[in-house]
Amino acid sequence: MAIYLSMQRVRFSSADGYEKFRVLFADVRRHLKPLPGFLHLTWWVHPDDPTWFNEVSFWTSKESDFGGALPDL
């Protein structure tokens, strides 16, 4: 089975932006789970730049990826 990765780089405009992101991100996976082709969603902090975050999702097909953008939830 092929697995496709989608990754978006995220930077925040304020110091509390990361905390706001964590609240929003905690709920996104629940909305993605029922979508066809969705496998996993995670995020990570770049080891060389603590202000650089990445959202990473894994899918079973390119068509399921919504072009890297989430659908209206």
PDB file of N, CA and C in Angstrom:
ATOM      1  N   MET A   1       0.845  -1.168   0.000  1.00  0.00           N
ATOM      2  CA  MET A   1       0.000   0.000   0.000  1.00  0.00           C
ATOM      3  C   MET A   1       0.896   1.238   0.000  1.00  0.00           C
ATOM      4  N   ALA A   2       0.584   2.180  -0.835  1.00  0.00           N
ATOM      5  CA  ALA A   2       1.303   3.453  -0.862  1.00  0.00           C
ATOM      6  C   ALA A   2       0.823   4.323   0.301  1.00  0.00           C
ATOM      7  N   ILE A   3       1.734   5.080   0.867  1.00  0.00           N
ATOM      8  CA  ILE A   3       1.401   6.027   1.927  1.00  0.00           C
ATOM      9  C   ILE A   3       1.940   7.385   1.516  1.00  0.00           C
ATOM     10  N   TYR A   4       1.100   8.403   1.610  1.00  0.00           N
ATOM     11  CA  TYR A   4       1.458   9.751   1.204  1.00  0.00           C
ATOM     12  C   TYR A   4       1.554  10.655   2.420  1.00  0.00           C
ATOM     13  N   LEU A   5       2.525  11.540   2.388  1.00  0.00           N
ATOM     14  CA  LEU A   5       2.762  12.456   3.486  1.00  0.00           C
ATOM     15  C   LEU A   5       2.436  13.875   3.038  1.00  0.00           C
ATOM     16  N   SER A   6       1.773  14.609   3.890  1.00  0.00           N
ATOM     17  CA  SER A   6       1.527  16.027   3.668  1.00  0.00           C
ATOM     18  C   SER A   6       2.113  16.775   4.858  1.00  0.00           C
ATOM     19  N   MET A   7       2.910  17.811   4.591  1.00  0.00           N
ATOM     20  CA  MET A   7       3.525  18.554   5.682  1.00  0.00           C
ATOM     21  C   MET A   7       3.409  20.048   5.424  1.00  0.00           C
ATOM     22  N   GLN A   8       2.992  20.774   6.434  1.00  0.00           N
ATOM     23  CA  GLN A   8       2.887  22.227   6.378  1.00  0.00           C
ATOM     24  C   GLN A   8       3.758  22.827   7.472  1.00  0.00           C
ATOM     25  N   ARG A   9       4.491  23.847   7.120  1.00  0.00           N
ATOM     26  CA  ARG A   9       5.309  24.577   8.083  1.00  0.00           C
ATOM     27  C   ARG A   9       4.438  25.637   8.743  1.00  0.00           C
ATOM     28  N   VAL A  10       4.590  25.770  10.057  1.00  0.00           N
ATOM     29  CA  VAL A  10       3.781  26.718  10.822  1.00  0.00           C
ATOM     30  C   VAL A  10       4.705  27.606  11.658  1.00  0.00           C
ATOM     31  N   ARG A  11       4.497  28.909  11.561  1.00  0.00           N
ATOM     32  CA  ARG A  11       5.146  29.870  12.464  1.00  0.00           C
ATOM     33  C   ARG A  11       4.032  30.720  13.075  1.00  0.00           C
ATOM     34  N   PHE A  12       4.234  31.128  14.315  1.00  0.00           N
ATOM     35  CA  PHE A  12       3.201  31.881  15.023  1.00  0.00           C
ATOM     36  C   PHE A  12       3.601  33.342  15.159  1.00  0.00           C
ATOM     37  N   SER A  13       2.608  34.226  15.071  1.00  0.00           N
ATOM     38  CA  SER A  13       2.869  35.661  15.107  1.00  0.00           C
ATOM     39  C   SER A  13       2.941  36.224  16.520  1.00  0.00           C
ATOM     40  N   SER A  14       2.568  35.409  17.511  1.00  0.00           N
ATOM     41  CA  SER A  14       2.635  35.877  18.893  1.00  0.00           C
ATOM     42  C   SER A  14       3.111  34.742  19.790  1.00  0.00           C
ATOM     43  N   ALA A  15       3.546  35.103  20.970  1.00  0.00           N
ATOM     44  CA  ALA A  15       4.072  34.103  21.914  1.00  0.00           C
ATOM     45  C   ALA A  15       3.010  33.092  22.334  1.00  0.00           C
ATOM     46  N   ASP A  16       1.751  33.508  22.406  1.00  0.00           N
ATOM     47  CA  ASP A  16       0.704  32.571  22.816  1.00  0.00           C
ATOM     48  C   ASP A  16       0.105  31.809  21.634  1.00  0.00           C
ATOM     49  N   GLY A  17       0.590  32.069  20.434  1.00  0.00           N
ATOM     50  CA  GLY A  17       0.090  31.380  19.252  1.00  0.00           C
ATOM     51  C   GLY A  17       0.243  29.872  19.320  1.00  0.00           C
ATOM     52  N   TYR A  18       1.357  29.420  19.854  1.00  0.00           N
ATOM     53  CA  TYR A  18       1.602  27.977  19.972  1.00  0.00           C
ATOM     54  C   TYR A  18       0.559  27.325  20.874  1.00  0.00           C
ATOM     55  N   GLU A  19       0.240  27.958  21.993  1.00  0.00           N
ATOM     56  CA  GLU A  19      -0.764  27.397  22.909  1.00  0.00           C
ATOM     57  C   GLU A  19      -2.138  27.354  22.259  1.00  0.00           C
ATOM     58  N   LYS A  20      -2.490  28.387  21.509  1.00  0.00           N
ATOM     59  CA  LYS A  20      -3.765  28.392  20.783  1.00  0.00           C
ATOM     60  C   LYS A  20      -3.800  27.278  19.742  1.00  0.00           C
ATOM     61  N   PHE A  21      -2.688  27.078  19.064  1.00  0.00           N
ATOM     62  CA  PHE A  21      -2.571  26.013  18.076  1.00  0.00           C
ATOM     63  C   PHE A  21      -2.784  24.649  18.730  1.00  0.00           C
ATOM     64  N   ARG A  22      -2.182  24.424  19.875  1.00  0.00           N
ATOM     65  CA  ARG A  22      -2.322  23.131  20.565  1.00  0.00           C
ATOM     66  C   ARG A  22      -3.776  22.830  20.894  1.00  0.00           C
ATOM     67  N   VAL A  23      -4.530  23.839  21.295  1.00  0.00           N
ATOM     68  CA  VAL A  23      -5.955  23.648  21.601  1.00  0.00           C
ATOM     69  C   VAL A  23      -6.713  23.256  20.337  1.00  0.00           C
ATOM     70  N   LEU A  24      -6.497  23.991  19.257  1.00  0.00           N
ATOM     71  CA  LEU A  24      -7.164  23.689  17.989  1.00  0.00           C
ATOM     72  C   LEU A  24      -6.731  22.331  17.448  1.00  0.00           C
ATOM     73  N   PHE A  25      -5.439  22.078  17.456  1.00  0.00           N
ATOM     74  CA  PHE A  25      -4.892  20.851  16.887  1.00  0.00           C
ATOM     75  C   PHE A  25      -5.410  19.611  17.616  1.00  0.00           C
ATOM     76  N   ALA A  26      -5.640  19.717  18.912  1.00  0.00           N
ATOM     77  CA  ALA A  26      -6.121  18.581  19.699  1.00  0.00           C
ATOM     78  C   ALA A  26      -7.455  18.055  19.172  1.00  0.00           C
ATOM     79  N   ASP A  27      -8.250  18.919  18.548  1.00  0.00           N
ATOM     80  CA  ASP A  27      -9.576  18.518  18.067  1.00  0.00           C
ATOM     81  C   ASP A  27      -9.597  18.124  16.593  1.00  0.00           C
ATOM     82  N   VAL A  28      -8.605  18.496  15.833  1.00  0.00           N
ATOM     83  CA  VAL A  28      -8.604  18.259  14.387  1.00  0.00           C
ATOM     84  C   VAL A  28      -8.592  16.763  14.056  1.00  0.00           C
ATOM     85  N   ARG A  29      -7.790  15.985  14.756  1.00  0.00           N
ATOM     86  CA  ARG A  29      -7.693  14.551  14.467  1.00  0.00           C
ATOM     87  C   ARG A  29      -9.061  13.874  14.516  1.00  0.00           C
ATOM     88  N   ARG A  30      -9.888  14.278  15.465  1.00  0.00           N
ATOM     89  CA  ARG A  30     -11.224  13.689  15.595  1.00  0.00           C
ATOM     90  C   ARG A  30     -12.039  13.909  14.321  1.00  0.00           C
ATOM     91  N   HIS A  31     -11.869  15.066  13.682  1.00  0.00           N
ATOM     92  CA  HIS A  31     -12.599  15.367  12.443  1.00  0.00           C
ATOM     93  C   HIS A  31     -12.016  14.630  11.239  1.00  0.00           C
ATOM     94  N   LEU A  32     -10.722  14.347  11.285  1.00  0.00           N
ATOM     95  CA  LEU A  32     -10.083  13.676  10.152  1.00  0.00           C
ATOM     96  C   LEU A  32     -10.272  12.164  10.167  1.00  0.00           C
ATOM     97  N   LYS A  33     -10.399  11.561  11.328  1.00  0.00           N
ATOM     98  CA  LYS A  33     -10.485  10.095  11.431  1.00  0.00           C
ATOM     99  C   LYS A  33     -11.530   9.461  10.517  1.00  0.00           C
ATOM    100  N   PRO A  34     -12.719  10.028  10.379  1.00  0.00           N
ATOM    101  CA  PRO A  34     -13.711   9.374   9.514  1.00  0.00           C
ATOM    102  C   PRO A  34     -13.479   9.569   8.011  1.00  0.00           C
ATOM    103  N   LEU A  35     -12.542  10.419   7.632  1.00  0.00           N
ATOM    104  CA  LEU A  35     -12.323  10.680   6.209  1.00  0.00           C
ATOM    105  C   LEU A  35     -11.624   9.510   5.522  1.00  0.00           C
ATOM    106  N   PRO A  36     -12.049   9.154   4.315  1.00  0.00           N
ATOM    107  CA  PRO A  36     -11.410   8.068   3.575  1.00  0.00           C
ATOM    108  C   PRO A  36      -9.932   8.375   3.328  1.00  0.00           C
ATOM    109  N   GLY A  37      -9.098   7.417   3.602  1.00  0.00           N
ATOM    110  CA  GLY A  37      -7.680   7.557   3.318  1.00  0.00           C
ATOM    111  C   GLY A  37      -6.850   8.145   4.438  1.00  0.00           C
ATOM    112  N   PHE A  38      -7.477   8.672   5.476  1.00  0.00           N
ATOM    113  CA  PHE A  38      -6.711   9.267   6.569  1.00  0.00           C
ATOM    114  C   PHE A  38      -6.067   8.179   7.424  1.00  0.00           C
ATOM    115  N   LEU A  39      -4.767   8.366   7.723  1.00  0.00           N
ATOM    116  CA  LEU A  39      -4.050   7.414   8.582  1.00  0.00           C
ATOM    117  C   LEU A  39      -3.622   8.029   9.909  1.00  0.00           C
ATOM    118  N   HIS A  40      -2.941   9.179   9.851  1.00  0.00           N
ATOM    119  CA  HIS A  40      -2.359   9.722  11.078  1.00  0.00           C
ATOM    120  C   HIS A  40      -2.079  11.212  10.922  1.00  0.00           C
ATOM    121  N   LEU A  41      -2.152  11.935  12.023  1.00  0.00           N
ATOM    122  CA  LEU A  41      -1.851  13.358  12.062  1.00  0.00           C
ATOM    123  C   LEU A  41      -0.965  13.633  13.270  1.00  0.00           C
ATOM    124  N   THR A  42       0.087  14.385  13.068  1.00  0.00           N
ATOM    125  CA  THR A  42       0.970  14.743  14.180  1.00  0.00           C
ATOM    126  C   THR A  42       1.643  16.078  13.878  1.00  0.00           C
ATOM    127  N   TRP A  43       2.413  16.568  14.802  1.00  0.00           N
ATOM    128  CA  TRP A  43       3.184  17.787  14.597  1.00  0.00           C
ATOM    129  C   TRP A  43       4.486  17.655  15.353  1.00  0.00           C
ATOM    130  N   TRP A  44       5.461  18.455  14.955  1.00  0.00           N
ATOM    131  CA  TRP A  44       6.758  18.425  15.631  1.00  0.00           C
ATOM    132  C   TRP A  44       7.433  19.787  15.547  1.00  0.00           C
ATOM    133  N   VAL A  45       8.338  20.016  16.484  1.00  0.00           N
ATOM    134  CA  VAL A  45       9.121  21.251  16.544  1.00  0.00           C
ATOM    135  C   VAL A  45      10.466  20.971  15.885  1.00  0.00           C
ATOM    136  N   HIS A  46      10.893  21.864  15.001  1.00  0.00           N
ATOM    137  CA  HIS A  46      12.171  21.679  14.318  1.00  0.00           C
ATOM    138  C   HIS A  46      13.309  21.707  15.342  1.00  0.00           C
ATOM    139  N   PRO A  47      14.212  20.735  15.293  1.00  0.00           N
ATOM    140  CA  PRO A  47      15.274  20.659  16.316  1.00  0.00           C
ATOM    141  C   PRO A  47      16.267  21.824  16.277  1.00  0.00           C
ATOM    142  N   ASP A  48      16.403  22.497  15.149  1.00  0.00           N
ATOM    143  CA  ASP A  48      17.348  23.612  15.051  1.00  0.00           C
ATOM    144  C   ASP A  48      16.698  24.982  15.199  1.00  0.00           C
ATOM    145  N   ASP A  49      15.367  25.025  15.243  1.00  0.00           N
ATOM    146  CA  ASP A  49      14.662  26.309  15.331  1.00  0.00           C
ATOM    147  C   ASP A  49      13.373  26.103  16.132  1.00  0.00           C
ATOM    148  N   PRO A  50      13.361  26.452  17.413  1.00  0.00           N
ATOM    149  CA  PRO A  50      12.179  26.213  18.246  1.00  0.00           C
ATOM    150  C   PRO A  50      10.956  27.055  17.873  1.00  0.00           C
ATOM    151  N   THR A  51      11.077  27.966  16.914  1.00  0.00           N
ATOM    152  CA  THR A  51       9.909  28.735  16.465  1.00  0.00           C
ATOM    153  C   THR A  51       9.310  28.168  15.178  1.00  0.00           C
ATOM    154  N   TRP A  52       9.847  27.052  14.701  1.00  0.00           N
ATOM    155  CA  TRP A  52       9.401  26.431  13.460  1.00  0.00           C
ATOM    156  C   TRP A  52       8.692  25.120  13.806  1.00  0.00           C
ATOM    157  N   PHE A  53       7.417  25.038  13.473  1.00  0.00           N
ATOM    158  CA  PHE A  53       6.604  23.858  13.753  1.00  0.00           C
ATOM    159  C   PHE A  53       6.142  23.262  12.432  1.00  0.00           C
ATOM    160  N   ASN A  54       5.894  21.967  12.416  1.00  0.00           N
ATOM    161  CA  ASN A  54       5.413  21.288  11.220  1.00  0.00           C
ATOM    162  C   ASN A  54       4.206  20.426  11.565  1.00  0.00           C
ATOM    163  N   GLU A  55       3.179  20.561  10.756  1.00  0.00           N
ATOM    164  CA  GLU A  55       2.017  19.676  10.840  1.00  0.00           C
ATOM    165  C   GLU A  55       2.236  18.608   9.785  1.00  0.00           C
ATOM    166  N   VAL A  56       2.086  17.348  10.180  1.00  0.00           N
ATOM    167  CA  VAL A  56       2.336  16.234   9.274  1.00  0.00           C
ATOM    168  C   VAL A  56       1.133  15.291   9.311  1.00  0.00           C
ATOM    169  N   SER A  57       0.635  14.949   8.117  1.00  0.00           N
ATOM    170  CA  SER A  57      -0.450  13.975   8.046  1.00  0.00           C
ATOM    171  C   SER A  57      -0.078  12.889   7.035  1.00  0.00           C
ATOM    172  N   PHE A  58      -0.607  11.702   7.260  1.00  0.00           N
ATOM    173  CA  PHE A  58      -0.355  10.550   6.394  1.00  0.00           C
ATOM    174  C   PHE A  58      -1.679  10.049   5.844  1.00  0.00           C
ATOM    175  N   TRP A  59      -1.658   9.709   4.533  1.00  0.00           N
ATOM    176  CA  TRP A  59      -2.869   9.335   3.801  1.00  0.00           C
ATOM    177  C   TRP A  59      -2.578   8.124   2.919  1.00  0.00           C
ATOM    178  N   THR A  60      -3.636   7.392   2.551  1.00  0.00           N
ATOM    179  CA  THR A  60      -3.473   6.229   1.682  1.00  0.00           C
ATOM    180  C   THR A  60      -3.592   6.590   0.206  1.00  0.00           C
ATOM    181  N   SER A  61      -3.996   7.821  -0.106  1.00  0.00           N
ATOM    182  CA  SER A  61      -4.046   8.236  -1.506  1.00  0.00           C
ATOM    183  C   SER A  61      -3.833   9.738  -1.614  1.00  0.00           C
ATOM    184  N   LYS A  62      -3.315  10.182  -2.748  1.00  0.00           N
ATOM    185  CA  LYS A  62      -3.112  11.614  -2.966  1.00  0.00           C
ATOM    186  C   LYS A  62      -4.439  12.359  -2.986  1.00  0.00           C
ATOM    187  N   GLU A  63      -5.467  11.746  -3.513  1.00  0.00           N
ATOM    188  CA  GLU A  63      -6.766  12.387  -3.614  1.00  0.00           C
ATOM    189  C   GLU A  63      -7.376  12.667  -2.242  1.00  0.00           C
ATOM    190  N   SER A  64      -7.023  11.893  -1.254  1.00  0.00           N
ATOM    191  CA  SER A  64      -7.569  12.081   0.079  1.00  0.00           C
ATOM    192  C   SER A  64      -6.971  13.261   0.806  1.00  0.00           C
ATOM    193  N   ASP A  65      -5.868  13.771   0.322  1.00  0.00           N
ATOM    194  CA  ASP A  65      -5.087  14.771   1.037  1.00  0.00           C
ATOM    195  C   ASP A  65      -5.656  16.183   0.972  1.00  0.00           C
ATOM    196  N   PHE A  66      -6.660  16.431   0.183  1.00  0.00           N
ATOM    197  CA  PHE A  66      -7.250  17.758   0.045  1.00  0.00           C
ATOM    198  C   PHE A  66      -6.216  18.789  -0.360  1.00  0.00           C
ATOM    199  N   GLY A  67      -5.198  18.369  -1.085  1.00  0.00           N
ATOM    200  CA  GLY A  67      -4.178  19.290  -1.535  1.00  0.00           C
ATOM    201  C   GLY A  67      -3.384  19.915  -0.404  1.00  0.00           C
ATOM    202  N   GLY A  68      -3.328  19.249   0.734  1.00  0.00           N
ATOM    203  CA  GLY A  68      -2.597  19.778   1.879  1.00  0.00           C
ATOM    204  C   GLY A  68      -3.442  20.684   2.749  1.00  0.00           C
ATOM    205  N   ALA A  69      -4.684  20.941   2.367  1.00  0.00           N
ATOM    206  CA  ALA A  69      -5.552  21.814   3.164  1.00  0.00           C
ATOM    207  C   ALA A  69      -6.673  20.997   3.785  1.00  0.00           C
ATOM    208  N   LEU A  70      -7.065  21.360   4.979  1.00  0.00           N
ATOM    209  CA  LEU A  70      -8.154  20.664   5.641  1.00  0.00           C
ATOM    210  C   LEU A  70      -9.482  21.086   5.043  1.00  0.00           C
ATOM    211  N   PRO A  71     -10.454  20.194   4.999  1.00  0.00           N
ATOM    212  CA  PRO A  71     -11.786  20.567   4.529  1.00  0.00           C
ATOM    213  C   PRO A  71     -12.464  21.426   5.581  1.00  0.00           C
ATOM    214  N   ASP A  72     -13.570  22.085   5.218  1.00  0.00           N
ATOM    215  CA  ASP A  72     -14.358  22.830   6.212  1.00  0.00           C
ATOM    216  C   ASP A  72     -14.904  21.841   7.219  1.00  0.00           C
ATOM    217  N   LEU A  73     -14.632  22.107   8.478  1.00  0.00           N
ATOM    218  CA  LEU A  73     -15.077  21.175   9.533  1.00  0.00           C
ATOM    219  C   LEU A  73     -16.257  21.723  10.274  1.00  0.00           C
TER     220      LEU A  73
END
